[in-house]
Amino acid sequence: MSAISIRLPDSLHRLARDIARQDQVSMNQFIASAVAEKVSALATEQYLNERAARGSSEKFRAALAQVPPADPEAFDQ
């Protein structure tokens, strides 16, 4: 495990400390969770962008053509 030292504005530190207390977790655990959330969001965005770059409108239309025609359900109209 790695140790880092970060500088936070006092106001942000107070807010983070208060939220950690409310959640009954340590500041270390709170900050680790916050970093994990951000990393996950960025990794997901990168993954989706990579998938979109590999996408093909021709393949999409071919897959859509396989769907049998049907009227939408009443709640979808």
PDB file of N, CA and C in Angstrom:
ATOM      1  N   MET A   1       0.852  -1.164   0.000  1.00  0.00           N
ATOM      2  CA  MET A   1       0.000   0.000   0.000  1.00  0.00           C
ATOM      3  C   MET A   1       0.901   1.231   0.000  1.00  0.00           C
ATOM      4  N   SER A   2       0.465   2.279  -0.666  1.00  0.00           N
ATOM      5  CA  SER A   2       1.251   3.504  -0.750  1.00  0.00           C
ATOM      6  C   SER A   2       0.695   4.568   0.169  1.00  0.00           C
ATOM      7  N   ALA A   3       1.588   5.425   0.618  1.00  0.00           N
ATOM      8  CA  ALA A   3       1.183   6.573   1.435  1.00  0.00           C
ATOM      9  C   ALA A   3       1.470   7.834   0.628  1.00  0.00           C
ATOM     10  N   ILE A   4       0.517   8.770   0.643  1.00  0.00           N
ATOM     11  CA  ILE A   4       0.719  10.045  -0.031  1.00  0.00           C
ATOM     12  C   ILE A   4       0.326  11.173   0.922  1.00  0.00           C
ATOM     13  N   SER A   5       0.871  12.317   0.648  1.00  0.00           N
ATOM     14  CA  SER A   5       0.524  13.502   1.416  1.00  0.00           C
ATOM     15  C   SER A   5      -0.167  14.460   0.452  1.00  0.00           C
ATOM     16  N   ILE A   6      -1.339  14.942   0.825  1.00  0.00           N
ATOM     17  CA  ILE A   6      -2.055  15.872  -0.049  1.00  0.00           C
ATOM     18  C   ILE A   6      -2.370  17.148   0.718  1.00  0.00           C
ATOM     19  N   ARG A   7      -2.490  18.225  -0.024  1.00  0.00           N
ATOM     20  CA  ARG A   7      -2.877  19.502   0.560  1.00  0.00           C
ATOM     21  C   ARG A   7      -4.289  19.806   0.078  1.00  0.00           C
ATOM     22  N   LEU A   8      -5.168  20.070   1.020  1.00  0.00           N
ATOM     23  CA  LEU A   8      -6.554  20.409   0.713  1.00  0.00           C
ATOM     24  C   LEU A   8      -6.857  21.786   1.266  1.00  0.00           C
ATOM     25  N   PRO A   9      -7.678  22.541   0.558  1.00  0.00           N
ATOM     26  CA  PRO A   9      -8.155  23.784   1.166  1.00  0.00           C
ATOM     27  C   PRO A   9      -8.888  23.442   2.471  1.00  0.00           C
ATOM     28  N   ASP A  10      -8.790  24.334   3.445  1.00  0.00           N
ATOM     29  CA  ASP A  10      -9.408  24.070   4.752  1.00  0.00           C
ATOM     30  C   ASP A  10     -10.892  23.745   4.625  1.00  0.00           C
ATOM     31  N   SER A  11     -11.588  24.478   3.774  1.00  0.00           N
ATOM     32  CA  SER A  11     -13.028  24.257   3.632  1.00  0.00           C
ATOM     33  C   SER A  11     -13.332  22.860   3.099  1.00  0.00           C
ATOM     34  N   LEU A  12     -12.552  22.391   2.130  1.00  0.00           N
ATOM     35  CA  LEU A  12     -12.764  21.044   1.578  1.00  0.00           C
ATOM     36  C   LEU A  12     -12.412  19.989   2.616  1.00  0.00           C
ATOM     37  N   HIS A  13     -11.353  20.230   3.365  1.00  0.00           N
ATOM     38  CA  HIS A  13     -10.961  19.293   4.413  1.00  0.00           C
ATOM     39  C   HIS A  13     -12.061  19.159   5.463  1.00  0.00           C
ATOM     40  N   ARG A  14     -12.638  20.285   5.863  1.00  0.00           N
ATOM     41  CA  ARG A  14     -13.727  20.243   6.861  1.00  0.00           C
ATOM     42  C   ARG A  14     -14.922  19.456   6.324  1.00  0.00           C
ATOM     43  N   LEU A  15     -15.288  19.727   5.078  1.00  0.00           N
ATOM     44  CA  LEU A  15     -16.436  19.012   4.497  1.00  0.00           C
ATOM     45  C   LEU A  15     -16.162  17.512   4.420  1.00  0.00           C
ATOM     46  N   ALA A  16     -14.971  17.146   3.957  1.00  0.00           N
ATOM     47  CA  ALA A  16     -14.622  15.724   3.854  1.00  0.00           C
ATOM     48  C   ALA A  16     -14.621  15.069   5.229  1.00  0.00           C
ATOM     49  N   ARG A  17     -14.055  15.751   6.221  1.00  0.00           N
ATOM     50  CA  ARG A  17     -14.019  15.224   7.585  1.00  0.00           C
ATOM     51  C   ARG A  17     -15.431  15.024   8.130  1.00  0.00           C
ATOM     52  N   ASP A  18     -16.295  16.007   7.910  1.00  0.00           N
ATOM     53  CA  ASP A  18     -17.672  15.909   8.408  1.00  0.00           C
ATOM     54  C   ASP A  18     -18.426  14.754   7.743  1.00  0.00           C
ATOM     55  N   ILE A  19     -18.242  14.607   6.453  1.00  0.00           N
ATOM     56  CA  ILE A  19     -18.933  13.517   5.746  1.00  0.00           C
ATOM     57  C   ILE A  19     -18.386  12.164   6.203  1.00  0.00           C
ATOM     58  N   ALA A  20     -17.075  12.067   6.366  1.00  0.00           N
ATOM     59  CA  ALA A  20     -16.482  10.811   6.844  1.00  0.00           C
ATOM     60  C   ALA A  20     -17.041  10.448   8.217  1.00  0.00           C
ATOM     61  N   ARG A  21     -17.163  11.447   9.086  1.00  0.00           N
ATOM     62  CA  ARG A  21     -17.740  11.192  10.409  1.00  0.00           C
ATOM     63  C   ARG A  21     -19.174  10.696  10.300  1.00  0.00           C
ATOM     64  N   GLN A  22     -19.960  11.363   9.441  1.00  0.00           N
ATOM     65  CA  GLN A  22     -21.360  10.957   9.265  1.00  0.00           C
ATOM     66  C   GLN A  22     -21.450   9.516   8.768  1.00  0.00           C
ATOM     67  N   ASP A  23     -20.533   9.151   7.872  1.00  0.00           N
ATOM     68  CA  ASP A  23     -20.528   7.783   7.330  1.00  0.00           C
ATOM     69  C   ASP A  23     -19.810   6.796   8.247  1.00  0.00           C
ATOM     70  N   GLN A  24     -19.253   7.307   9.334  1.00  0.00           N
ATOM     71  CA  GLN A  24     -18.536   6.493  10.322  1.00  0.00           C
ATOM     72  C   GLN A  24     -17.374   5.728   9.692  1.00  0.00           C
ATOM     73  N   VAL A  25     -16.600   6.471   8.869  1.00  0.00           N
ATOM     74  CA  VAL A  25     -15.389   5.912   8.276  1.00  0.00           C
ATOM     75  C   VAL A  25     -14.241   6.875   8.548  1.00  0.00           C
ATOM     76  N   SER A  26     -13.037   6.372   8.427  1.00  0.00           N
ATOM     77  CA  SER A  26     -11.860   7.228   8.609  1.00  0.00           C
ATOM     78  C   SER A  26     -11.699   8.140   7.396  1.00  0.00           C
ATOM     79  N   MET A  27     -10.952   9.227   7.597  1.00  0.00           N
ATOM     80  CA  MET A  27     -10.648  10.105   6.467  1.00  0.00           C
ATOM     81  C   MET A  27      -9.902   9.330   5.394  1.00  0.00           C
ATOM     82  N   ASN A  28      -9.004   8.444   5.800  1.00  0.00           N
ATOM     83  CA  ASN A  28      -8.254   7.643   4.846  1.00  0.00           C
ATOM     84  C   ASN A  28      -9.202   6.810   3.982  1.00  0.00           C
ATOM     85  N   GLN A  29     -10.151   6.157   4.622  1.00  0.00           N
ATOM     86  CA  GLN A  29     -11.106   5.322   3.889  1.00  0.00           C
ATOM     87  C   GLN A  29     -11.991   6.181   2.998  1.00  0.00           C
ATOM     88  N   PHE A  30     -12.410   7.330   3.501  1.00  0.00           N
ATOM     89  CA  PHE A  30     -13.250   8.229   2.718  1.00  0.00           C
ATOM     90  C   PHE A  30     -12.516   8.707   1.469  1.00  0.00           C
ATOM     91  N   ILE A  31     -11.279   9.150   1.623  1.00  0.00           N
ATOM     92  CA  ILE A  31     -10.510   9.656   0.485  1.00  0.00           C
ATOM     93  C   ILE A  31     -10.196   8.527  -0.497  1.00  0.00           C
ATOM     94  N   ALA A  32      -9.863   7.346   0.011  1.00  0.00           N
ATOM     95  CA  ALA A  32      -9.601   6.203  -0.873  1.00  0.00           C
ATOM     96  C   ALA A  32     -10.844   5.858  -1.692  1.00  0.00           C
ATOM     97  N   SER A  33     -12.016   5.910  -1.059  1.00  0.00           N
ATOM     98  CA  SER A  33     -13.261   5.635  -1.783  1.00  0.00           C
ATOM     99  C   SER A  33     -13.539   6.705  -2.830  1.00  0.00           C
ATOM    100  N   ALA A  34     -13.271   7.965  -2.490  1.00  0.00           N
ATOM    101  CA  ALA A  34     -13.499   9.057  -3.436  1.00  0.00           C
ATOM    102  C   ALA A  34     -12.580   8.914  -4.649  1.00  0.00           C
ATOM    103  N   VAL A  35     -11.327   8.571  -4.420  1.00  0.00           N
ATOM    104  CA  VAL A  35     -10.387   8.368  -5.529  1.00  0.00           C
ATOM    105  C   VAL A  35     -10.821   7.173  -6.370  1.00  0.00           C
ATOM    106  N   ALA A  36     -11.253   6.095  -5.721  1.00  0.00           N
ATOM    107  CA  ALA A  36     -11.715   4.916  -6.453  1.00  0.00           C
ATOM    108  C   ALA A  36     -12.917   5.246  -7.335  1.00  0.00           C
ATOM    109  N   GLU A  37     -13.847   6.055  -6.823  1.00  0.00           N
ATOM    110  CA  GLU A  37     -15.007   6.454  -7.626  1.00  0.00           C
ATOM    111  C   GLU A  37     -14.576   7.233  -8.857  1.00  0.00           C
ATOM    112  N   LYS A  38     -13.674   8.175  -8.683  1.00  0.00           N
ATOM    113  CA  LYS A  38     -13.216   9.000  -9.799  1.00  0.00           C
ATOM    114  C   LYS A  38     -12.473   8.163 -10.826  1.00  0.00           C
ATOM    115  N   VAL A  39     -11.576   7.294 -10.364  1.00  0.00           N
ATOM    116  CA  VAL A  39     -10.831   6.424 -11.273  1.00  0.00           C
ATOM    117  C   VAL A  39     -11.788   5.518 -12.050  1.00  0.00           C
ATOM    118  N   SER A  40     -12.776   4.981 -11.367  1.00  0.00           N
ATOM    119  CA  SER A  40     -13.763   4.119 -12.026  1.00  0.00           C
ATOM    120  C   SER A  40     -14.533   4.882 -13.095  1.00  0.00           C
ATOM    121  N   ALA A  41     -14.953   6.099 -12.782  1.00  0.00           N
ATOM    122  CA  ALA A  41     -15.698   6.901 -13.756  1.00  0.00           C
ATOM    123  C   ALA A  41     -14.852   7.202 -14.983  1.00  0.00           C
ATOM    124  N   LEU A  42     -13.602   7.569 -14.782  1.00  0.00           N
ATOM    125  CA  LEU A  42     -12.723   7.882 -15.909  1.00  0.00           C
ATOM    126  C   LEU A  42     -12.405   6.635 -16.730  1.00  0.00           C
ATOM    127  N   ALA A  43     -12.183   5.509 -16.056  1.00  0.00           N
ATOM    128  CA  ALA A  43     -11.902   4.257 -16.769  1.00  0.00           C
ATOM    129  C   ALA A  43     -13.116   3.824 -17.582  1.00  0.00           C
ATOM    130  N   THR A  44     -14.300   4.001 -17.021  1.00  0.00           N
ATOM    131  CA  THR A  44     -15.525   3.647 -17.738  1.00  0.00           C
ATOM    132  C   THR A  44     -15.695   4.528 -18.970  1.00  0.00           C
ATOM    133  N   GLU A  45     -15.441   5.819 -18.812  1.00  0.00           N
ATOM    134  CA  GLU A  45     -15.540   6.735 -19.944  1.00  0.00           C
ATOM    135  C   GLU A  45     -14.569   6.337 -21.054  1.00  0.00           C
ATOM    136  N   GLN A  46     -13.343   6.007 -20.672  1.00  0.00           N
ATOM    137  CA  GLN A  46     -12.348   5.585 -21.662  1.00  0.00           C
ATOM    138  C   GLN A  46     -12.790   4.309 -22.359  1.00  0.00           C
ATOM    139  N   TYR A  47     -13.302   3.346 -21.600  1.00  0.00           N
ATOM    140  CA  TYR A  47     -13.769   2.085 -22.175  1.00  0.00           C
ATOM    141  C   TYR A  47     -14.899   2.326 -23.172  1.00  0.00           C
ATOM    142  N   LEU A  48     -15.856   3.157 -22.778  1.00  0.00           N
ATOM    143  CA  LEU A  48     -16.983   3.426 -23.675  1.00  0.00           C
ATOM    144  C   LEU A  48     -16.537   4.162 -24.931  1.00  0.00           C
ATOM    145  N   ASN A  49     -15.590   5.074 -24.805  1.00  0.00           N
ATOM    146  CA  ASN A  49     -15.066   5.767 -25.987  1.00  0.00           C
ATOM    147  C   ASN A  49     -14.357   4.795 -26.924  1.00  0.00           C
ATOM    148  N   GLU A  50     -13.597   3.864 -26.358  1.00  0.00           N
ATOM    149  CA  GLU A  50     -12.925   2.849 -27.182  1.00  0.00           C
ATOM    150  C   GLU A  50     -13.931   1.959 -27.887  1.00  0.00           C
ATOM    151  N   ARG A  51     -14.984   1.555 -27.169  1.00  0.00           N
ATOM    152  CA  ARG A  51     -16.030   0.739 -27.790  1.00  0.00           C
ATOM    153  C   ARG A  51     -16.738   1.502 -28.903  1.00  0.00           C
ATOM    154  N   ALA A  52     -17.021   2.777 -28.665  1.00  0.00           N
ATOM    155  CA  ALA A  52     -17.700   3.599 -29.669  1.00  0.00           C
ATOM    156  C   ALA A  52     -16.838   3.744 -30.911  1.00  0.00           C
ATOM    157  N   ALA A  53     -15.533   3.859 -30.730  1.00  0.00           N
ATOM    158  CA  ALA A  53     -14.632   3.999 -31.875  1.00  0.00           C
ATOM    159  C   ALA A  53     -14.628   2.740 -32.733  1.00  0.00           C
ATOM    160  N   ARG A  54     -14.886   1.589 -32.122  1.00  0.00           N
ATOM    161  CA  ARG A  54     -14.929   0.328 -32.871  1.00  0.00           C
ATOM    162  C   ARG A  54     -16.307   0.062 -33.470  1.00  0.00           C
ATOM    163  N   GLY A  55     -17.275   0.905 -33.132  1.00  0.00           N
ATOM    164  CA  GLY A  55     -18.644   0.688 -33.589  1.00  0.00           C
ATOM    165  C   GLY A  55     -18.782   0.842 -35.098  1.00  0.00           C
ATOM    166  N   SER A  56     -19.817   0.251 -35.607  1.00  0.00           N
ATOM    167  CA  SER A  56     -20.072   0.292 -37.039  1.00  0.00           C
ATOM    168  C   SER A  56     -21.561   0.518 -37.269  1.00  0.00           C
ATOM    169  N   SER A  57     -21.888   1.567 -38.008  1.00  0.00           N
ATOM    170  CA  SER A  57     -23.308   1.821 -38.283  1.00  0.00           C
ATOM    171  C   SER A  57     -23.890   0.727 -39.172  1.00  0.00           C
ATOM    172  N   GLU A  58     -23.054   0.128 -40.016  1.00  0.00           N
ATOM    173  CA  GLU A  58     -23.554  -0.965 -40.862  1.00  0.00           C
ATOM    174  C   GLU A  58     -23.943  -2.177 -40.018  1.00  0.00           C
ATOM    175  N   LYS A  59     -23.085  -2.528 -39.057  1.00  0.00           N
ATOM    176  CA  LYS A  59     -23.398  -3.662 -38.183  1.00  0.00           C
ATOM    177  C   LYS A  59     -24.622  -3.359 -37.319  1.00  0.00           C
ATOM    178  N   PHE A  60     -24.767  -2.111 -36.881  1.00  0.00           N
ATOM    179  CA  PHE A  60     -25.940  -1.722 -36.095  1.00  0.00           C
ATOM    180  C   PHE A  60     -27.206  -1.895 -36.928  1.00  0.00           C
ATOM    181  N   ARG A  61     -27.177  -1.397 -38.149  1.00  0.00           N
ATOM    182  CA  ARG A  61     -28.361  -1.533 -39.023  1.00  0.00           C
ATOM    183  C   ARG A  61     -28.672  -2.999 -39.316  1.00  0.00           C
ATOM    184  N   ALA A  62     -27.649  -3.817 -39.495  1.00  0.00           N
ATOM    185  CA  ALA A  62     -27.854  -5.242 -39.744  1.00  0.00           C
ATOM    186  C   ALA A  62     -28.494  -5.908 -38.532  1.00  0.00           C
ATOM    187  N   ALA A  63     -28.045  -5.560 -37.334  1.00  0.00           N
ATOM    188  CA  ALA A  63     -28.633  -6.132 -36.116  1.00  0.00           C
ATOM    189  C   ALA A  63     -30.064  -5.647 -35.947  1.00  0.00           C
ATOM    190  N   LEU A  64     -30.307  -4.380 -36.232  1.00  0.00           N
ATOM    191  CA  LEU A  64     -31.649  -3.820 -36.107  1.00  0.00           C
ATOM    192  C   LEU A  64     -32.610  -4.468 -37.102  1.00  0.00           C
ATOM    193  N   ALA A  65     -32.096  -4.837 -38.259  1.00  0.00           N
ATOM    194  CA  ALA A  65     -32.930  -5.477 -39.277  1.00  0.00           C
ATOM    195  C   ALA A  65     -33.406  -6.853 -38.827  1.00  0.00           C
ATOM    196  N   GLN A  66     -32.725  -7.447 -37.846  1.00  0.00           N
ATOM    197  CA  GLN A  66     -33.109  -8.769 -37.340  1.00  0.00           C
ATOM    198  C   GLN A  66     -34.281  -8.708 -36.363  1.00  0.00           C
ATOM    199  N   VAL A  67     -34.613  -7.515 -35.900  1.00  0.00           N
ATOM    200  CA  VAL A  67     -35.697  -7.357 -34.931  1.00  0.00           C
ATOM    201  C   VAL A  67     -37.024  -7.411 -35.677  1.00  0.00           C
ATOM    202  N   PRO A  68     -37.938  -8.305 -35.278  1.00  0.00           N
ATOM    203  CA  PRO A  68     -39.209  -8.381 -35.978  1.00  0.00           C
ATOM    204  C   PRO A  68     -40.050  -7.125 -35.758  1.00  0.00           C
ATOM    205  N   PRO A  69     -40.768  -6.707 -36.774  1.00  0.00           N
ATOM    206  CA  PRO A  69     -41.612  -5.518 -36.612  1.00  0.00           C
ATOM    207  C   PRO A  69     -42.744  -5.798 -35.622  1.00  0.00           C
ATOM    208  N   ALA A  70     -42.999  -4.837 -34.774  1.00  0.00           N
ATOM    209  CA  ALA A  70     -44.091  -4.963 -33.802  1.00  0.00           C
ATOM    210  C   ALA A  70     -44.484  -3.571 -33.337  1.00  0.00           C
ATOM    211  N   ASP A  71     -45.744  -3.418 -33.010  1.00  0.00           N
ATOM    212  CA  ASP A  71     -46.202  -2.150 -32.452  1.00  0.00           C
ATOM    213  C   ASP A  71     -45.665  -2.029 -31.032  1.00  0.00           C
ATOM    214  N   PRO A  72     -45.320  -0.803 -30.621  1.00  0.00           N
ATOM    215  CA  PRO A  72     -44.810  -0.630 -29.258  1.00  0.00           C
ATOM    216  C   PRO A  72     -45.915  -0.864 -28.227  1.00  0.00           C
ATOM    217  N   GLU A  73     -45.482  -1.262 -27.041  1.00  0.00           N
ATOM    218  CA  GLU A  73     -46.429  -1.410 -25.944  1.00  0.00           C
ATOM    219  C   GLU A  73     -47.057  -0.040 -25.654  1.00  0.00           C
ATOM    220  N   ALA A  74     -48.215  -0.034 -25.054  1.00  0.00           N
ATOM    221  CA  ALA A  74     -48.932   1.212 -24.784  1.00  0.00           C
ATOM    222  C   ALA A  74     -48.085   2.180 -23.947  1.00  0.00           C
ATOM    223  N   PHE A  75     -47.331   1.643 -22.965  1.00  0.00           N
ATOM    224  CA  PHE A  75     -46.531   2.514 -22.106  1.00  0.00           C
ATOM    225  C   PHE A  75     -45.311   3.094 -22.827  1.00  0.00           C
ATOM    226  N   ASP A  76     -44.980   2.578 -24.020  1.00  0.00           N
ATOM    227  CA  ASP A  76     -43.855   3.094 -24.791  1.00  0.00           C
ATOM    228  C   ASP A  76     -44.273   4.074 -25.875  1.00  0.00           C
ATOM    229  N   GLN A  77     -45.536   4.325 -26.008  1.00  0.00           N
ATOM    230  CA  GLN A  77     -45.975   5.223 -27.071  1.00  0.00           C
ATOM    231  C   GLN A  77     -45.914   6.670 -26.655  1.00  0.00           C
TER     232      GLN A  77
END
